[in-house]
């Protein structure tokens, strides 16, 4: 029986988001990224990763860069 993966470890989450492990822990500790403990492992549900990514602010383009490009 194939069960889809619903949660990722810290290293996998870092790769998916494109940040380092330390930054993942920073985001968890700040409350911006939800995580769960299973024994010694920290698990981040796929839904929580998606919510975190959607909550990130969009990068603003400076007016002079916008005019040039």
Protein backbone atom coordinates (compact mmCIF):
# COMPACT_ATOMS: atom_id res chain seq x y z
CA UNK A 1 0.00 0.00 0.00
CA UNK A 2 1.45 3.35 -1.08
CA UNK A 3 0.71 6.13 1.39
CA UNK A 4 1.62 9.63 0.19
CA UNK A 5 4.15 11.45 2.35
CA UNK A 6 2.28 14.05 4.45
CA UNK A 7 5.18 15.38 6.50
CA UNK A 8 8.82 16.21 5.96
CA UNK A 9 11.85 16.42 8.21
CA UNK A 10 13.74 19.66 8.74
CA UNK A 11 16.35 18.95 6.02
CA UNK A 12 13.70 18.02 3.45
CA UNK A 13 11.68 21.10 4.35
CA UNK A 14 14.76 23.30 3.94
CA UNK A 15 15.32 21.90 0.43
CA UNK A 16 11.67 22.35 -0.57
CA UNK A 17 11.52 25.96 0.66
CA UNK A 18 15.03 26.82 -0.50
CA UNK A 19 16.46 27.88 2.85
CA UNK A 20 18.95 26.34 5.30
CA UNK A 21 18.22 24.08 8.26
CA UNK A 22 19.02 26.82 10.77
CA UNK A 23 16.53 29.16 9.09
CA UNK A 24 13.86 26.42 9.23
CA UNK A 25 14.41 26.15 12.99
CA UNK A 26 14.31 29.97 13.28
CA UNK A 27 10.98 30.04 11.46
CA UNK A 28 9.60 27.26 13.68
CA UNK A 29 10.76 29.00 16.87
CA UNK A 30 9.22 32.30 15.72
CA UNK A 31 5.87 30.57 15.14
CA UNK A 32 5.80 31.36 11.41
CA UNK A 33 6.22 27.69 10.44
CA UNK A 34 4.25 25.02 12.30
CA UNK A 35 6.07 21.84 13.30
CA UNK A 36 5.35 18.72 15.33
CA UNK A 37 7.60 16.49 17.37
CA UNK A 38 7.55 12.71 16.98
CA UNK A 39 10.05 11.44 19.47
CA UNK A 40 13.24 13.32 18.64
CA UNK A 41 12.19 14.09 15.05
CA UNK A 42 10.70 17.39 13.99
CA UNK A 43 8.03 16.91 11.33
CA UNK A 44 6.51 19.67 9.21
CA UNK A 45 3.28 18.78 7.44
CA UNK A 46 3.09 19.55 3.72
CA UNK A 47 0.02 21.74 4.38
CA UNK A 48 2.00 23.83 6.86
CA UNK A 49 4.82 24.29 4.35
CA UNK A 50 2.30 25.48 1.76
CA UNK A 51 0.70 27.89 4.25
CA UNK A 52 4.13 29.25 5.21
CA UNK A 53 5.07 29.83 1.57
CA UNK A 54 1.78 31.57 0.82
CA UNK A 55 2.25 33.87 3.83
CA UNK A 56 5.66 35.10 2.67
CA UNK A 57 5.62 38.70 1.45
CA UNK A 58 6.11 39.33 -2.24
CA UNK A 59 9.33 41.01 -3.26
CA UNK A 60 8.76 44.60 -4.27
CA UNK A 61 10.55 45.85 -7.34
CA UNK A 62 12.16 49.25 -6.95
CA UNK A 63 10.72 51.93 -9.24
CA UNK A 64 14.04 52.50 -11.02
CA UNK A 65 14.44 48.75 -11.72
CA UNK A 66 10.87 48.50 -12.98
CA UNK A 67 11.43 51.37 -15.45
CA UNK A 68 14.65 49.81 -16.71
CA UNK A 69 13.26 46.35 -17.27
